[in-house]
N, C-alpha and C. Protein backbone atom coordinates (compact mmCIF):
# COMPACT_ATOMS: atom_id res chain seq x y z
N MET A 1 131.20 23.96 176.61
CA MET A 1 130.49 23.67 177.84
C MET A 1 131.33 22.71 178.66
N PRO A 2 131.62 23.04 179.92
CA PRO A 2 132.46 22.17 180.75
C PRO A 2 131.73 20.88 181.11
N ALA A 3 132.49 19.81 181.21
CA ALA A 3 131.91 18.52 181.60
C ALA A 3 131.53 18.57 183.07
N SER A 4 130.42 17.92 183.39
CA SER A 4 130.00 17.92 184.79
C SER A 4 130.84 16.92 185.57
N ALA A 5 131.02 17.19 186.83
CA ALA A 5 131.80 16.31 187.69
C ALA A 5 131.00 15.03 187.93
N PRO A 6 131.70 13.90 188.05
CA PRO A 6 130.98 12.65 188.33
C PRO A 6 130.32 12.70 189.70
N SER A 7 129.24 11.99 189.83
CA SER A 7 128.53 11.95 191.10
C SER A 7 129.38 11.20 192.13
N PRO A 8 129.12 11.43 193.40
CA PRO A 8 129.85 10.69 194.44
C PRO A 8 129.69 9.17 194.29
N GLU A 9 128.50 8.74 193.89
CA GLU A 9 128.26 7.32 193.70
C GLU A 9 129.12 6.77 192.56
N ALA A 10 129.22 7.52 191.46
CA ALA A 10 130.04 7.09 190.33
C ALA A 10 131.51 7.03 190.73
N GLU A 11 131.95 7.96 191.55
CA GLU A 11 133.35 7.95 192.01
C GLU A 11 133.64 6.74 192.89
N VAL A 12 132.70 6.39 193.76
CA VAL A 12 132.87 5.21 194.62
C VAL A 12 132.94 3.95 193.77
N LEU A 13 132.05 3.83 192.80
CA LEU A 13 132.06 2.66 191.92
C LEU A 13 133.36 2.57 191.12
N ALA A 14 133.82 3.71 190.62
CA ALA A 14 135.08 3.73 189.87
C ALA A 14 136.25 3.32 190.76
N ASP A 15 136.26 3.78 192.00
CA ASP A 15 137.31 3.41 192.95
C ASP A 15 137.27 1.90 193.22
N GLU A 16 136.08 1.36 193.37
CA GLU A 16 135.95 -0.08 193.60
C GLU A 16 136.46 -0.88 192.41
N ARG A 17 136.11 -0.44 191.20
CA ARG A 17 136.58 -1.14 189.98
C ARG A 17 138.10 -1.07 189.88
N ARG A 18 138.65 0.11 190.18
CA ARG A 18 140.11 0.24 190.17
C ARG A 18 140.76 -0.68 191.18
N GLY A 19 140.22 -0.73 192.37
CA GLY A 19 140.74 -1.61 193.41
C GLY A 19 140.69 -3.07 193.00
N THR A 20 139.59 -3.46 192.39
CA THR A 20 139.44 -4.84 191.92
C THR A 20 140.46 -5.14 190.84
N LEU A 21 140.66 -4.21 189.92
CA LEU A 21 141.63 -4.40 188.84
C LEU A 21 143.04 -4.52 189.39
N TRP A 22 143.42 -3.62 190.31
CA TRP A 22 144.76 -3.68 190.89
C TRP A 22 144.98 -4.97 191.65
N ALA A 23 143.96 -5.42 192.38
CA ALA A 23 144.08 -6.69 193.11
C ALA A 23 144.26 -7.85 192.14
N ALA A 24 143.52 -7.82 191.03
CA ALA A 24 143.64 -8.88 190.02
C ALA A 24 145.02 -8.87 189.37
N ILE A 25 145.53 -7.70 189.05
CA ILE A 25 146.87 -7.59 188.48
C ILE A 25 147.90 -8.13 189.47
N GLY A 26 147.71 -7.85 190.74
CA GLY A 26 148.62 -8.34 191.75
C GLY A 26 148.65 -9.85 191.88
N ARG A 27 147.60 -10.52 191.43
CA ARG A 27 147.54 -11.97 191.50
C ARG A 27 148.20 -12.65 190.29
N LEU A 28 148.57 -11.87 189.28
CA LEU A 28 149.20 -12.43 188.09
C LEU A 28 150.67 -12.77 188.33
N ARG A 29 151.21 -13.57 187.45
CA ARG A 29 152.64 -13.88 187.50
C ARG A 29 153.44 -12.63 187.16
N ASP A 30 154.70 -12.61 187.58
CA ASP A 30 155.56 -11.45 187.33
C ASP A 30 155.63 -11.09 185.85
N GLU A 31 155.83 -12.08 184.99
CA GLU A 31 155.97 -11.77 183.56
C GLU A 31 154.67 -11.21 182.99
N ASP A 32 153.53 -11.64 183.52
CA ASP A 32 152.25 -11.08 183.08
C ASP A 32 152.12 -9.64 183.52
N ARG A 33 152.48 -9.36 184.77
CA ARG A 33 152.42 -7.98 185.27
C ARG A 33 153.36 -7.08 184.50
N GLU A 34 154.55 -7.58 184.17
CA GLU A 34 155.52 -6.77 183.42
C GLU A 34 154.97 -6.35 182.06
N VAL A 35 154.44 -7.31 181.32
CA VAL A 35 153.98 -6.98 179.97
C VAL A 35 152.71 -6.12 180.00
N ILE A 36 151.80 -6.41 180.92
CA ILE A 36 150.59 -5.58 181.04
C ILE A 36 150.97 -4.18 181.51
N GLY A 37 151.89 -4.10 182.46
CA GLY A 37 152.33 -2.79 182.94
C GLY A 37 152.97 -1.97 181.84
N ALA A 38 153.83 -2.60 181.05
CA ALA A 38 154.51 -1.87 179.98
C ALA A 38 153.52 -1.42 178.90
N ARG A 39 152.63 -2.34 178.50
CA ARG A 39 151.72 -2.02 177.39
C ARG A 39 150.61 -1.05 177.79
N TYR A 40 150.00 -1.28 178.95
CA TYR A 40 148.79 -0.53 179.26
C TYR A 40 148.97 0.53 180.34
N LEU A 41 149.88 0.33 181.25
CA LEU A 41 150.08 1.35 182.29
C LEU A 41 151.10 2.39 181.83
N LEU A 42 152.18 1.92 181.21
CA LEU A 42 153.18 2.85 180.67
C LEU A 42 152.87 3.27 179.24
N GLU A 43 151.90 2.59 178.62
CA GLU A 43 151.45 2.87 177.25
C GLU A 43 152.58 2.76 176.23
N LEU A 44 153.44 1.74 176.41
CA LEU A 44 154.51 1.49 175.44
C LEU A 44 153.95 0.70 174.27
N SER A 45 154.51 0.92 173.10
CA SER A 45 154.13 0.13 171.93
C SER A 45 154.69 -1.28 172.10
N GLU A 46 154.29 -2.19 171.20
CA GLU A 46 154.86 -3.54 171.24
C GLU A 46 156.37 -3.48 171.07
N ALA A 47 156.83 -2.67 170.14
CA ALA A 47 158.27 -2.55 169.88
C ALA A 47 159.00 -1.99 171.10
N GLU A 48 158.43 -0.97 171.73
CA GLU A 48 159.05 -0.38 172.91
C GLU A 48 159.06 -1.37 174.08
N THR A 49 157.97 -2.12 174.21
CA THR A 49 157.89 -3.12 175.26
C THR A 49 158.93 -4.21 175.03
N ALA A 50 159.06 -4.64 173.79
CA ALA A 50 160.05 -5.66 173.45
C ALA A 50 161.46 -5.18 173.81
N GLN A 51 161.76 -3.98 173.44
CA GLN A 51 163.08 -3.43 173.72
C GLN A 51 163.30 -3.30 175.24
N THR A 52 162.31 -2.80 175.93
CA THR A 52 162.42 -2.59 177.37
C THR A 52 162.59 -3.90 178.13
N LEU A 53 161.83 -4.92 177.72
CA LEU A 53 161.86 -6.20 178.43
C LEU A 53 162.89 -7.17 177.84
N GLY A 54 163.54 -6.77 176.75
CA GLY A 54 164.53 -7.64 176.13
C GLY A 54 163.92 -8.86 175.47
N LEU A 55 162.76 -8.66 174.84
CA LEU A 55 162.03 -9.74 174.18
C LEU A 55 161.85 -9.44 172.71
N ARG A 56 161.46 -10.45 171.96
CA ARG A 56 161.08 -10.23 170.56
C ARG A 56 159.66 -9.67 170.52
N ALA A 57 159.36 -8.93 169.47
CA ALA A 57 158.02 -8.32 169.35
C ALA A 57 156.93 -9.39 169.35
N GLY A 58 157.17 -10.50 168.68
CA GLY A 58 156.18 -11.58 168.66
C GLY A 58 155.95 -12.17 170.04
N THR A 59 157.01 -12.24 170.83
CA THR A 59 156.89 -12.73 172.20
C THR A 59 156.05 -11.78 173.04
N VAL A 60 156.26 -10.49 172.84
CA VAL A 60 155.45 -9.49 173.55
C VAL A 60 153.99 -9.65 173.18
N LYS A 61 153.71 -9.84 171.90
CA LYS A 61 152.33 -9.98 171.44
C LYS A 61 151.67 -11.21 172.07
N SER A 62 152.36 -12.34 172.07
CA SER A 62 151.77 -13.56 172.62
C SER A 62 151.66 -13.47 174.15
N ARG A 63 152.67 -12.93 174.81
CA ARG A 63 152.59 -12.79 176.27
C ARG A 63 151.47 -11.84 176.68
N THR A 64 151.30 -10.77 175.91
CA THR A 64 150.22 -9.82 176.21
C THR A 64 148.87 -10.51 176.09
N SER A 65 148.70 -11.27 175.03
CA SER A 65 147.44 -11.98 174.83
C SER A 65 147.16 -12.96 175.95
N ARG A 66 148.16 -13.76 176.31
CA ARG A 66 147.98 -14.73 177.39
C ARG A 66 147.76 -14.04 178.74
N ALA A 67 148.50 -12.97 178.99
CA ALA A 67 148.36 -12.24 180.25
C ALA A 67 146.97 -11.62 180.38
N LEU A 68 146.45 -11.08 179.29
CA LEU A 68 145.10 -10.50 179.33
C LEU A 68 144.06 -11.59 179.57
N GLY A 69 144.27 -12.76 178.98
CA GLY A 69 143.36 -13.88 179.23
C GLY A 69 143.36 -14.29 180.69
N ARG A 70 144.56 -14.36 181.29
CA ARG A 70 144.64 -14.70 182.71
C ARG A 70 144.02 -13.60 183.57
N LEU A 71 144.22 -12.34 183.18
CA LEU A 71 143.63 -11.23 183.93
C LEU A 71 142.11 -11.30 183.86
N ARG A 72 141.56 -11.61 182.69
CA ARG A 72 140.11 -11.75 182.56
C ARG A 72 139.59 -12.85 183.49
N ALA A 73 140.33 -13.97 183.55
CA ALA A 73 139.91 -15.09 184.39
C ALA A 73 139.93 -14.68 185.87
N VAL A 74 140.97 -13.98 186.29
CA VAL A 74 141.06 -13.53 187.69
C VAL A 74 139.92 -12.56 187.99
N LEU A 75 139.64 -11.65 187.06
CA LEU A 75 138.55 -10.69 187.28
C LEU A 75 137.20 -11.39 187.33
N ALA A 76 136.99 -12.39 186.47
CA ALA A 76 135.74 -13.14 186.48
C ALA A 76 135.58 -13.88 187.80
N GLU A 77 136.67 -14.45 188.30
CA GLU A 77 136.66 -15.14 189.58
C GLU A 77 136.32 -14.15 190.70
N ALA A 78 136.90 -12.97 190.65
CA ALA A 78 136.63 -11.94 191.65
C ALA A 78 135.17 -11.50 191.60
N GLU A 79 134.63 -11.35 190.40
CA GLU A 79 133.23 -10.96 190.27
C GLU A 79 132.32 -12.04 190.80
N GLY A 80 132.68 -13.30 190.55
CA GLY A 80 131.90 -14.42 191.07
C GLY A 80 131.90 -14.46 192.58
N ALA A 81 133.06 -14.19 193.17
CA ALA A 81 133.17 -14.16 194.63
C ALA A 81 132.35 -13.02 195.20
N THR A 82 132.36 -11.87 194.52
CA THR A 82 131.59 -10.72 194.99
C THR A 82 130.10 -10.99 194.90
N ALA A 83 129.69 -11.65 193.81
CA ALA A 83 128.28 -11.96 193.63
C ALA A 83 127.78 -12.97 194.66
N ASP A 84 128.69 -13.86 195.10
CA ASP A 84 128.32 -14.88 196.08
C ASP A 84 128.25 -14.34 197.50
N ASP A 85 128.90 -13.20 197.75
CA ASP A 85 128.96 -12.64 199.11
C ASP A 85 127.62 -12.13 199.57
């Protein structure tokens, strides 16, 4: 059975969430964007990310963790600003 297409409302909400995420990523430091981009946008493994960025695997792991924490903070700030509007 084919999956039903998302409703127009669901598509608008998904577009808004994507826009918010991209804006939040854009507010991160370069090294945060690099590691998040490699791990989650390019879907590279930790080892592949380390090789690509010229880092040790442990450094990739710690940078990813810190970058995701900063991304969460930026997203929470954005949600707070949206809720206040």
